[in-house]
Amino acid sequence: QVQLVESGGGSVQAGGSLRLSCAASGRIYSSYCMGWIRQAPGKEREGVATIYTLGIRTYDADYADSVKGRFTISRDIAKNTLYLQMDNLKPEDTAMYYCASDPSSEHWCRRQLRDVAFAYWGQGTQVNVSS
């Protein structure tokens, strides 16, 4: 089992920044996909960013078009922590943000912005962006 705990959400004005963190604990896999997914009220879940790790190597991340150039996903392997740096936030970024992970292949990980089929999920952290 893997436990994921998000933090860092809050309320900001448009144009502001937030950094989300996701602390992972429990079973450690040699290869896994991690991602950030968001869900706004009345809307479907949306894959925001994903990143694949094999051993100590982290591959290039994938981003939803809606956040490209504004959000950055990163990992601190030593701390078992996933981050999402969110800059130039917009009101449409308002949502509950979830951290997720899955022991998988890079090929599987590349599909998760679309499929959002992770095995392990955190409880979520709320992000509110006002205009």
N, C-alpha and C. Protein backbone atom coordinates (compact mmCIF):
# COMPACT_ATOMS: atom_id res chain seq x y z
N GLN A 1 0.83 -1.19 0.00
CA GLN A 1 0.00 0.00 0.00
C GLN A 1 0.86 1.24 0.00
N VAL A 2 0.34 2.27 -0.61
CA VAL A 2 1.00 3.57 -0.66
C VAL A 2 0.07 4.61 -0.06
N GLN A 3 0.61 5.44 0.79
CA GLN A 3 -0.17 6.53 1.37
C GLN A 3 0.35 7.85 0.79
N LEU A 4 -0.60 8.70 0.41
CA LEU A 4 -0.27 9.99 -0.18
C LEU A 4 -0.99 11.09 0.59
N VAL A 5 -0.26 12.12 0.99
CA VAL A 5 -0.85 13.23 1.74
C VAL A 5 -0.46 14.54 1.07
N GLU A 6 -1.48 15.25 0.58
CA GLU A 6 -1.25 16.53 -0.08
C GLU A 6 -1.29 17.69 0.92
N SER A 7 -0.61 18.76 0.56
CA SER A 7 -0.66 20.00 1.33
C SER A 7 -0.33 21.16 0.40
N GLY A 8 -0.58 22.37 0.88
CA GLY A 8 -0.19 23.55 0.12
C GLY A 8 -1.30 24.28 -0.58
N GLY A 9 -2.51 23.74 -0.54
CA GLY A 9 -3.61 24.44 -1.18
C GLY A 9 -3.97 25.70 -0.42
N GLY A 10 -4.85 26.51 -1.01
CA GLY A 10 -5.27 27.74 -0.36
C GLY A 10 -5.99 28.63 -1.33
N SER A 11 -6.14 29.89 -0.93
CA SER A 11 -6.84 30.88 -1.75
C SER A 11 -5.86 31.95 -2.19
N VAL A 12 -5.89 32.24 -3.48
CA VAL A 12 -5.02 33.28 -4.03
C VAL A 12 -5.79 34.07 -5.06
N GLN A 13 -5.26 35.23 -5.39
CA GLN A 13 -5.85 36.02 -6.47
C GLN A 13 -5.24 35.59 -7.81
N ALA A 14 -5.97 35.86 -8.86
CA ALA A 14 -5.48 35.54 -10.20
C ALA A 14 -4.11 36.18 -10.42
N GLY A 15 -3.24 35.41 -11.03
CA GLY A 15 -1.86 35.84 -11.25
C GLY A 15 -0.91 35.40 -10.16
N GLY A 16 -1.45 34.89 -9.06
CA GLY A 16 -0.63 34.45 -7.95
C GLY A 16 -0.07 33.06 -8.15
N SER A 17 0.62 32.58 -7.13
CA SER A 17 1.28 31.28 -7.19
C SER A 17 0.99 30.46 -5.93
N LEU A 18 1.04 29.17 -6.11
CA LEU A 18 0.95 28.21 -5.00
C LEU A 18 1.86 27.04 -5.33
N ARG A 19 2.36 26.38 -4.29
CA ARG A 19 3.10 25.15 -4.50
C ARG A 19 2.46 24.04 -3.68
N LEU A 20 2.00 23.03 -4.37
CA LEU A 20 1.41 21.87 -3.71
C LEU A 20 2.49 20.83 -3.46
N SER A 21 2.35 20.13 -2.34
CA SER A 21 3.27 19.04 -2.01
C SER A 21 2.48 17.76 -1.78
N CYS A 22 3.10 16.64 -2.05
CA CYS A 22 2.48 15.34 -1.82
C CYS A 22 3.53 14.43 -1.21
N ALA A 23 3.35 14.09 0.05
CA ALA A 23 4.28 13.21 0.75
C ALA A 23 3.82 11.77 0.60
N ALA A 24 4.71 10.94 0.09
CA ALA A 24 4.38 9.53 -0.13
C ALA A 24 5.05 8.67 0.93
N SER A 25 4.35 7.64 1.37
CA SER A 25 4.92 6.69 2.33
C SER A 25 4.35 5.31 2.04
N GLY A 26 4.93 4.31 2.69
CA GLY A 26 4.46 2.95 2.48
C GLY A 26 5.37 2.19 1.53
N ARG A 27 4.77 1.35 0.70
CA ARG A 27 5.54 0.51 -0.19
C ARG A 27 6.26 1.34 -1.24
N ILE A 28 7.51 1.02 -1.49
CA ILE A 28 8.32 1.74 -2.47
C ILE A 28 8.49 0.85 -3.69
N TYR A 29 8.19 1.39 -4.85
CA TYR A 29 8.35 0.66 -6.11
C TYR A 29 9.56 1.20 -6.87
N SER A 30 10.18 0.36 -7.67
CA SER A 30 11.35 0.79 -8.43
C SER A 30 10.96 1.65 -9.62
N SER A 31 9.75 1.48 -10.13
CA SER A 31 9.27 2.31 -11.22
C SER A 31 7.82 2.67 -10.95
N TYR A 32 7.50 3.93 -11.14
CA TYR A 32 6.14 4.34 -10.87
C TYR A 32 5.82 5.66 -11.54
N CYS A 33 4.56 5.86 -11.72
CA CYS A 33 4.03 7.09 -12.30
C CYS A 33 3.37 7.88 -11.18
N MET A 34 3.61 9.16 -11.14
CA MET A 34 2.92 10.03 -10.18
C MET A 34 2.30 11.19 -10.94
N GLY A 35 1.22 11.69 -10.40
CA GLY A 35 0.56 12.77 -11.11
C GLY A 35 -0.29 13.63 -10.21
N TRP A 36 -0.70 14.74 -10.76
CA TRP A 36 -1.64 15.66 -10.12
C TRP A 36 -2.90 15.69 -10.99
N ILE A 37 -4.01 15.51 -10.33
CA ILE A 37 -5.31 15.50 -10.99
C ILE A 37 -6.19 16.49 -10.25
N ARG A 38 -7.04 17.19 -10.96
CA ARG A 38 -7.94 18.13 -10.30
C ARG A 38 -9.38 17.87 -10.71
N GLN A 39 -10.25 18.31 -9.84
CA GLN A 39 -11.69 18.18 -10.13
C GLN A 39 -12.40 19.40 -9.57
N ALA A 40 -13.05 20.12 -10.45
CA ALA A 40 -13.86 21.26 -10.06
C ALA A 40 -15.30 20.81 -9.87
N PRO A 41 -16.08 21.53 -9.06
CA PRO A 41 -17.48 21.14 -8.84
C PRO A 41 -18.24 21.03 -10.15
N GLY A 42 -18.93 19.90 -10.30
CA GLY A 42 -19.73 19.70 -11.48
C GLY A 42 -18.97 19.32 -12.73
N LYS A 43 -17.67 19.13 -12.59
CA LYS A 43 -16.85 18.77 -13.74
C LYS A 43 -16.16 17.43 -13.53
N GLU A 44 -15.72 16.84 -14.62
CA GLU A 44 -14.99 15.58 -14.53
C GLU A 44 -13.56 15.81 -14.06
N ARG A 45 -12.95 14.75 -13.56
CA ARG A 45 -11.55 14.83 -13.19
C ARG A 45 -10.70 15.15 -14.41
N GLU A 46 -9.67 15.92 -14.18
CA GLU A 46 -8.78 16.33 -15.26
C GLU A 46 -7.33 16.06 -14.87
N GLY A 47 -6.63 15.31 -15.68
CA GLY A 47 -5.21 15.11 -15.45
C GLY A 47 -4.47 16.40 -15.71
N VAL A 48 -3.68 16.84 -14.75
CA VAL A 48 -2.98 18.11 -14.85
C VAL A 48 -1.53 17.91 -15.27
N ALA A 49 -0.85 17.00 -14.59
CA ALA A 49 0.56 16.76 -14.90
C ALA A 49 0.95 15.38 -14.39
N THR A 50 1.83 14.72 -15.10
CA THR A 50 2.32 13.41 -14.70
C THR A 50 3.83 13.35 -14.86
N ILE A 51 4.44 12.46 -14.09
CA ILE A 51 5.89 12.29 -14.18
C ILE A 51 6.22 10.84 -13.85
N TYR A 52 7.17 10.26 -14.58
CA TYR A 52 7.52 8.85 -14.43
C TYR A 52 8.93 8.73 -13.86
N THR A 53 9.07 7.81 -12.93
CA THR A 53 10.37 7.58 -12.30
C THR A 53 10.76 6.11 -12.42
N LEU A 54 11.99 5.86 -12.83
CA LEU A 54 12.55 4.51 -12.88
C LEU A 54 13.86 4.54 -12.09
N GLY A 55 13.85 3.90 -10.93
CA GLY A 55 15.03 3.97 -10.06
C GLY A 55 15.26 5.40 -9.61
N ILE A 56 16.41 5.95 -9.93
CA ILE A 56 16.72 7.34 -9.55
C ILE A 56 16.52 8.29 -10.73
N ARG A 57 16.07 7.76 -11.85
CA ARG A 57 15.89 8.58 -13.04
C ARG A 57 14.44 9.03 -13.15
N THR A 58 14.26 10.33 -13.35
CA THR A 58 12.94 10.90 -13.57
C THR A 58 12.84 11.35 -15.02
N TYR A 59 11.80 10.91 -15.69
CA TYR A 59 11.63 11.21 -17.10
C TYR A 59 10.93 12.57 -17.29
N ASP A 60 10.89 13.03 -18.52
CA ASP A 60 10.20 14.29 -18.82
C ASP A 60 8.73 14.20 -18.43
N ALA A 61 8.24 15.28 -17.90
CA ALA A 61 6.85 15.32 -17.45
C ALA A 61 5.91 15.62 -18.61
N ASP A 62 4.65 15.31 -18.41
CA ASP A 62 3.58 15.66 -19.35
C ASP A 62 2.61 16.61 -18.66
N TYR A 63 2.07 17.53 -19.44
CA TYR A 63 1.16 18.52 -18.89
C TYR A 63 -0.10 18.64 -19.74
N ALA A 64 -1.20 18.92 -19.07
CA ALA A 64 -2.40 19.28 -19.80
C ALA A 64 -2.16 20.61 -20.52
N ASP A 65 -2.78 20.76 -21.68
CA ASP A 65 -2.60 22.00 -22.44
C ASP A 65 -3.01 23.23 -21.63
N SER A 66 -4.01 23.06 -20.79
CA SER A 66 -4.53 24.19 -20.02
C SER A 66 -3.54 24.75 -19.00
N VAL A 67 -2.49 23.97 -18.66
CA VAL A 67 -1.55 24.43 -17.63
C VAL A 67 -0.12 24.54 -18.15
N LYS A 68 0.11 24.18 -19.39
CA LYS A 68 1.47 24.23 -19.94
C LYS A 68 2.02 25.65 -19.84
N GLY A 69 3.26 25.74 -19.40
CA GLY A 69 3.92 27.02 -19.27
C GLY A 69 3.62 27.73 -17.96
N ARG A 70 2.66 27.21 -17.19
CA ARG A 70 2.29 27.83 -15.91
C ARG A 70 2.57 26.91 -14.73
N PHE A 71 2.40 25.60 -14.92
CA PHE A 71 2.58 24.64 -13.84
C PHE A 71 3.84 23.81 -14.09
N THR A 72 4.49 23.41 -13.00
CA THR A 72 5.67 22.55 -13.09
C THR A 72 5.58 21.44 -12.06
N ILE A 73 5.65 20.21 -12.53
CA ILE A 73 5.65 19.06 -11.62
C ILE A 73 7.10 18.63 -11.39
N SER A 74 7.40 18.23 -10.15
CA SER A 74 8.77 17.80 -9.85
C SER A 74 8.74 16.81 -8.70
N ARG A 75 9.84 16.10 -8.55
CA ARG A 75 9.94 15.10 -7.50
C ARG A 75 11.23 15.27 -6.72
N ASP A 76 11.16 15.04 -5.42
CA ASP A 76 12.34 14.91 -4.58
C ASP A 76 12.35 13.46 -4.13
N ILE A 77 13.18 12.65 -4.83
CA ILE A 77 13.17 11.22 -4.55
C ILE A 77 13.63 10.93 -3.13
N ALA A 78 14.62 11.67 -2.65
CA ALA A 78 15.15 11.43 -1.30
C ALA A 78 14.08 11.67 -0.24
N LYS A 79 13.21 12.63 -0.49
CA LYS A 79 12.16 12.97 0.47
C LYS A 79 10.84 12.26 0.16
N ASN A 80 10.81 11.50 -0.93
CA ASN A 80 9.57 10.83 -1.35
C ASN A 80 8.42 11.81 -1.47
N THR A 81 8.70 12.94 -2.07
CA THR A 81 7.71 14.01 -2.16
C THR A 81 7.56 14.48 -3.61
N LEU A 82 6.31 14.69 -3.99
CA LEU A 82 5.95 15.21 -5.30
C LEU A 82 5.47 16.64 -5.13
N TYR A 83 5.82 17.50 -6.07
CA TYR A 83 5.43 18.91 -6.00
C TYR A 83 4.69 19.33 -7.26
N LEU A 84 3.90 20.37 -7.10
CA LEU A 84 3.29 21.04 -8.26
C LEU A 84 3.41 22.54 -8.02
N GLN A 85 4.30 23.17 -8.74
CA GLN A 85 4.44 24.62 -8.68
C GLN A 85 3.45 25.23 -9.65
N MET A 86 2.57 26.07 -9.15
CA MET A 86 1.53 26.66 -9.98
C MET A 86 1.72 28.17 -10.00
N ASP A 87 2.02 28.71 -11.16
CA ASP A 87 2.23 30.14 -11.33
C ASP A 87 1.17 30.71 -12.26
N ASN A 88 1.01 32.02 -12.19
CA ASN A 88 0.04 32.72 -13.03
C ASN A 88 -1.32 32.02 -12.97
N LEU A 89 -1.78 31.78 -11.76
CA LEU A 89 -3.04 31.07 -11.57
C LEU A 89 -4.21 31.86 -12.11
N LYS A 90 -5.19 31.10 -12.62
CA LYS A 90 -6.40 31.68 -13.19
C LYS A 90 -7.61 31.17 -12.41
N PRO A 91 -8.72 31.91 -12.46
CA PRO A 91 -9.93 31.44 -11.75
C PRO A 91 -10.35 30.03 -12.19
N GLU A 92 -10.11 29.68 -13.44
CA GLU A 92 -10.49 28.36 -13.91
C GLU A 92 -9.60 27.24 -13.36
N ASP A 93 -8.55 27.60 -12.63
CA ASP A 93 -7.73 26.59 -11.95
C ASP A 93 -8.33 26.17 -10.61
N THR A 94 -9.40 26.84 -10.20
CA THR A 94 -10.05 26.50 -8.94
C THR A 94 -10.57 25.07 -8.99
N ALA A 95 -10.14 24.26 -8.02
CA ALA A 95 -10.52 22.84 -8.00
C ALA A 95 -9.92 22.19 -6.76
N MET A 96 -10.35 20.96 -6.52
CA MET A 96 -9.67 20.11 -5.57
C MET A 96 -8.54 19.41 -6.33
N TYR A 97 -7.35 19.48 -5.79
CA TYR A 97 -6.19 18.88 -6.44
C TYR A 97 -5.78 17.61 -5.70
N TYR A 98 -5.64 16.54 -6.46
CA TYR A 98 -5.28 15.25 -5.90
C TYR A 98 -3.92 14.81 -6.41
N CYS A 99 -3.17 14.19 -5.53
CA CYS A 99 -1.94 13.52 -5.88
C CYS A 99 -2.26 12.03 -6.07
N ALA A 100 -1.64 11.41 -7.06
CA ALA A 100 -1.90 10.00 -7.31
C ALA A 100 -0.62 9.32 -7.77
N SER A 101 -0.58 8.01 -7.56
CA SER A 101 0.59 7.24 -8.00
C SER A 101 0.19 5.84 -8.41
N ASP A 102 1.07 5.20 -9.18
CA ASP A 102 0.80 3.84 -9.62
C ASP A 102 2.12 3.20 -10.07
N PRO A 103 2.37 1.95 -9.64
CA PRO A 103 3.56 1.24 -10.15
C PRO A 103 3.27 0.84 -11.59
N SER A 104 4.01 1.37 -12.52
CA SER A 104 3.62 1.21 -13.92
C SER A 104 4.81 1.40 -14.84
N SER A 105 4.53 1.35 -16.11
CA SER A 105 5.53 1.60 -17.13
C SER A 105 5.47 3.05 -17.61
N GLU A 106 6.50 3.49 -18.29
CA GLU A 106 6.48 4.84 -18.84
C GLU A 106 5.38 4.96 -19.88
N HIS A 107 5.16 3.91 -20.66
CA HIS A 107 4.11 3.95 -21.68
C HIS A 107 2.75 4.15 -21.03
N TRP A 108 2.49 3.45 -19.95
CA TRP A 108 1.22 3.60 -19.22
C TRP A 108 1.12 5.01 -18.66
N CYS A 109 2.21 5.51 -18.13
CA CYS A 109 2.20 6.84 -17.50
C CYS A 109 1.84 7.92 -18.52
N ARG A 110 2.36 7.76 -19.73
CA ARG A 110 2.10 8.78 -20.77
C ARG A 110 0.61 8.90 -21.10
N ARG A 111 -0.18 7.89 -20.78
CA ARG A 111 -1.61 7.92 -21.09
C ARG A 111 -2.45 8.47 -19.96
N GLN A 112 -1.85 8.77 -18.80
CA GLN A 112 -2.65 9.05 -17.62
C GLN A 112 -3.23 10.44 -17.55
N LEU A 113 -2.75 11.39 -18.33
CA LEU A 113 -3.44 12.67 -18.40
C LEU A 113 -4.85 12.45 -18.94
N ARG A 114 -4.99 11.47 -19.80
CA ARG A 114 -6.28 11.15 -20.40
C ARG A 114 -7.04 10.14 -19.55
N ASP A 115 -6.40 9.04 -19.14
CA ASP A 115 -7.10 7.93 -18.49
C ASP A 115 -7.32 8.15 -17.00
N VAL A 116 -6.39 8.80 -16.33
CA VAL A 116 -6.47 9.06 -14.88
C VAL A 116 -6.87 7.78 -14.15
N ALA A 117 -6.08 6.73 -14.29
CA ALA A 117 -6.43 5.42 -13.75
C ALA A 117 -5.45 4.97 -12.67
N PHE A 118 -4.97 5.89 -11.85
CA PHE A 118 -4.00 5.58 -10.81
C PHE A 118 -4.58 4.68 -9.73
N ALA A 119 -3.72 3.85 -9.15
CA ALA A 119 -4.15 2.93 -8.10
C ALA A 119 -4.26 3.62 -6.73
N TYR A 120 -3.38 4.56 -6.47
CA TYR A 120 -3.31 5.19 -5.15
C TYR A 120 -3.60 6.69 -5.26
N TRP A 121 -4.40 7.18 -4.31
CA TRP A 121 -4.83 8.58 -4.32
C TRP A 121 -4.70 9.20 -2.94
N GLY A 122 -4.41 10.49 -2.92
CA GLY A 122 -4.46 11.24 -1.68
C GLY A 122 -5.86 11.75 -1.43
N GLN A 123 -6.02 12.51 -0.34
CA GLN A 123 -7.33 13.04 0.04
C GLN A 123 -7.67 14.34 -0.68
N GLY A 124 -6.67 14.98 -1.24
CA GLY A 124 -6.90 16.20 -1.98
C GLY A 124 -6.63 17.45 -1.17
N THR A 125 -6.30 18.53 -1.87
CA THR A 125 -6.13 19.84 -1.26
C THR A 125 -6.81 20.87 -2.16
N GLN A 126 -7.56 21.77 -1.53
CA GLN A 126 -8.38 22.71 -2.29
C GLN A 126 -7.58 23.93 -2.73
N VAL A 127 -7.76 24.32 -3.98
CA VAL A 127 -7.16 25.54 -4.52
C VAL A 127 -8.28 26.44 -5.01
N ASN A 128 -8.31 27.67 -4.52
CA ASN A 128 -9.30 28.66 -4.93
C ASN A 128 -8.59 29.88 -5.50
N VAL A 129 -8.95 30.25 -6.70
CA VAL A 129 -8.34 31.40 -7.37
C VAL A 129 -9.44 32.40 -7.67
N SER A 130 -9.32 33.58 -7.11
CA SER A 130 -10.32 34.63 -7.32
C SER A 130 -9.83 35.62 -8.36
N SER A 131 -10.80 36.21 -9.04
CA SER A 131 -10.46 37.17 -10.11
C SER A 131 -10.30 38.59 -9.57
